[in-house]
Amino acid sequence: MTPEMALSQISQGLQLALLLGAPLLLAVLGTGVVVGILQAATSINEPTVAFVCKVGALVATLALTGHFLLGRLVSFTTELFQQIPHLIG
């Protein structure tokens, strides 16, 4: 295995991690901003409201994009396992 091949595999893994985490993080970030603005406007400073809204957004996003994200993860893993003989030899 050459260093270029190793760096290529690491790069692909990091790109996949970014792809898998981005929708979930963006949903939680957007929900947090909206809930924060609403809490500031209504003077309701209850931390559990923000937490419950963020968890709801996370579950909804995972339900909507979970099939796509899991499919990408499985395809990357199978491709990586299929490349093991070529990476070693």
C-alpha atoms as a PDB file:
ATOM      1  CA  MET A   1       0.000   0.000   0.000  1.00  0.00           C
ATOM      2  CA  THR A   2       1.471   3.287  -1.056  1.00  0.00           C
ATOM      3  CA  PRO A   3       1.045   6.470   0.964  1.00  0.00           C
ATOM      4  CA  GLU A   4      -1.026   7.945  -1.861  1.00  0.00           C
ATOM      5  CA  MET A   5      -3.508   5.073  -1.651  1.00  0.00           C
ATOM      6  CA  ALA A   6      -3.743   5.435   2.109  1.00  0.00           C
ATOM      7  CA  LEU A   7      -4.323   9.173   1.844  1.00  0.00           C
ATOM      8  CA  SER A   8      -6.960   8.569  -0.806  1.00  0.00           C
ATOM      9  CA  GLN A   9      -8.844   6.135   1.438  1.00  0.00           C
ATOM     10  CA  ILE A  10      -8.587   8.472   4.428  1.00  0.00           C
ATOM     11  CA  SER A  11      -9.815  11.365   2.301  1.00  0.00           C
ATOM     12  CA  GLN A  12     -12.807   9.369   1.081  1.00  0.00           C
ATOM     13  CA  GLY A  13     -13.608   8.346   4.661  1.00  0.00           C
ATOM     14  CA  LEU A  14     -13.493  11.925   5.895  1.00  0.00           C
ATOM     15  CA  GLN A  15     -15.660  13.119   3.025  1.00  0.00           C
ATOM     16  CA  LEU A  16     -18.190  10.421   3.856  1.00  0.00           C
ATOM     17  CA  ALA A  17     -18.167  11.419   7.527  1.00  0.00           C
ATOM     18  CA  LEU A  18     -18.848  15.007   6.487  1.00  0.00           C
ATOM     19  CA  LEU A  19     -21.654  13.888   4.203  1.00  0.00           C
ATOM     20  CA  LEU A  20     -23.217  11.748   6.931  1.00  0.00           C
ATOM     21  CA  GLY A  21     -23.012  14.373   9.642  1.00  0.00           C
ATOM     22  CA  ALA A  22     -23.900  17.502   7.699  1.00  0.00           C
ATOM     23  CA  PRO A  23     -27.686  17.055   7.359  1.00  0.00           C
ATOM     24  CA  LEU A  24     -28.103  16.221  11.025  1.00  0.00           C
ATOM     25  CA  LEU A  25     -25.911  19.057  12.224  1.00  0.00           C
ATOM     26  CA  LEU A  26     -27.549  21.581   9.901  1.00  0.00           C
ATOM     27  CA  ALA A  27     -31.027  20.562  11.072  1.00  0.00           C
ATOM     28  CA  VAL A  28     -30.067  20.960  14.717  1.00  0.00           C
ATOM     29  CA  LEU A  29     -28.299  24.255  14.004  1.00  0.00           C
ATOM     30  CA  GLY A  30     -31.258  25.696  12.123  1.00  0.00           C
ATOM     31  CA  THR A  31     -33.704  24.565  14.785  1.00  0.00           C
ATOM     32  CA  GLY A  32     -31.521  26.030  17.521  1.00  0.00           C
ATOM     33  CA  VAL A  33     -31.388  29.408  15.786  1.00  0.00           C
ATOM     34  CA  VAL A  34     -35.148  29.522  15.221  1.00  0.00           C
ATOM     35  CA  VAL A  35     -35.957  28.429  18.773  1.00  0.00           C
ATOM     36  CA  GLY A  36     -33.425  30.911  20.148  1.00  0.00           C
ATOM     37  CA  ILE A  37     -35.024  33.762  18.236  1.00  0.00           C
ATOM     38  CA  LEU A  38     -38.492  32.720  19.386  1.00  0.00           C
ATOM     39  CA  GLN A  39     -37.335  32.423  22.992  1.00  0.00           C
ATOM     40  CA  ALA A  40     -35.738  35.852  22.842  1.00  0.00           C
ATOM     41  CA  ALA A  41     -38.874  37.359  21.343  1.00  0.00           C
ATOM     42  CA  THR A  42     -41.230  35.788  23.883  1.00  0.00           C
ATOM     43  CA  SER A  43     -38.899  35.904  26.924  1.00  0.00           C
ATOM     44  CA  ILE A  44     -39.370  32.177  27.517  1.00  0.00           C
ATOM     45  CA  ASN A  45     -35.926  31.078  28.650  1.00  0.00           C
ATOM     46  CA  GLU A  46     -36.573  27.411  29.312  1.00  0.00           C
ATOM     47  CA  PRO A  47     -33.685  25.205  28.161  1.00  0.00           C
ATOM     48  CA  THR A  48     -35.854  22.104  27.861  1.00  0.00           C
ATOM     49  CA  VAL A  49     -37.910  23.733  25.091  1.00  0.00           C
ATOM     50  CA  ALA A  50     -34.809  24.166  22.944  1.00  0.00           C
ATOM     51  CA  PHE A  51     -33.598  20.650  23.741  1.00  0.00           C
ATOM     52  CA  VAL A  52     -36.900  18.993  22.859  1.00  0.00           C
ATOM     53  CA  CYS A  53     -37.150  20.947  19.598  1.00  0.00           C
ATOM     54  CA  LYS A  54     -33.596  20.017  18.636  1.00  0.00           C
ATOM     55  CA  VAL A  55     -34.171  16.347  19.398  1.00  0.00           C
ATOM     56  CA  GLY A  56     -37.371  16.431  17.369  1.00  0.00           C
ATOM     57  CA  ALA A  57     -35.568  17.995  14.421  1.00  0.00           C
ATOM     58  CA  LEU A  58     -32.785  15.433  14.719  1.00  0.00           C
ATOM     59  CA  VAL A  59     -35.224  12.507  14.738  1.00  0.00           C
ATOM     60  CA  ALA A  60     -37.208  13.955  11.819  1.00  0.00           C
ATOM     61  CA  THR A  61     -34.063  14.526   9.758  1.00  0.00           C
ATOM     62  CA  LEU A  62     -32.785  11.062  10.550  1.00  0.00           C
ATOM     63  CA  ALA A  63     -36.147   9.587   9.539  1.00  0.00           C
ATOM     64  CA  LEU A  64     -36.117  11.491   6.238  1.00  0.00           C
ATOM     65  CA  THR A  65     -32.471  10.997   5.270  1.00  0.00           C
ATOM     66  CA  GLY A  66     -31.589   7.831   7.172  1.00  0.00           C
ATOM     67  CA  HIS A  67     -32.090   5.502   4.226  1.00  0.00           C
ATOM     68  CA  PHE A  68     -29.825   7.593   1.992  1.00  0.00           C
ATOM     69  CA  LEU A  69     -27.145   8.010   4.667  1.00  0.00           C
ATOM     70  CA  LEU A  70     -27.115   4.327   5.583  1.00  0.00           C
ATOM     71  CA  GLY A  71     -26.951   3.355   1.920  1.00  0.00           C
ATOM     72  CA  ARG A  72     -23.910   5.565   1.376  1.00  0.00           C
ATOM     73  CA  LEU A  73     -22.211   4.125   4.461  1.00  0.00           C
ATOM     74  CA  VAL A  74     -22.872   0.537   3.411  1.00  0.00           C
ATOM     75  CA  SER A  75     -21.663   1.128  -0.152  1.00  0.00           C
ATOM     76  CA  PHE A  76     -18.466   2.772   1.097  1.00  0.00           C
ATOM     77  CA  THR A  77     -17.825  -0.101   3.490  1.00  0.00           C
ATOM     78  CA  THR A  78     -18.382  -2.792   0.858  1.00  0.00           C
ATOM     79  CA  GLU A  79     -16.134  -0.958  -1.614  1.00  0.00           C
ATOM     80  CA  LEU A  80     -13.456  -0.702   1.041  1.00  0.00           C
ATOM     81  CA  PHE A  81     -13.694  -4.412   1.866  1.00  0.00           C
ATOM     82  CA  GLN A  82     -13.525  -5.289  -1.829  1.00  0.00           C
ATOM     83  CA  GLN A  83     -10.373  -3.179  -2.224  1.00  0.00           C
ATOM     84  CA  ILE A  84      -8.516  -4.867   0.639  1.00  0.00           C
ATOM     85  CA  PRO A  85      -6.715  -7.418  -1.598  1.00  0.00           C
ATOM     86  CA  HIS A  86      -5.610  -4.630  -3.936  1.00  0.00           C
ATOM     87  CA  LEU A  87      -4.487  -2.432  -1.053  1.00  0.00           C
ATOM     88  CA  ILE A  88      -2.415  -5.159   0.571  1.00  0.00           C
ATOM     89  CA  GLY A  89      -0.828  -6.664  -2.528  1.00  0.00           C
END
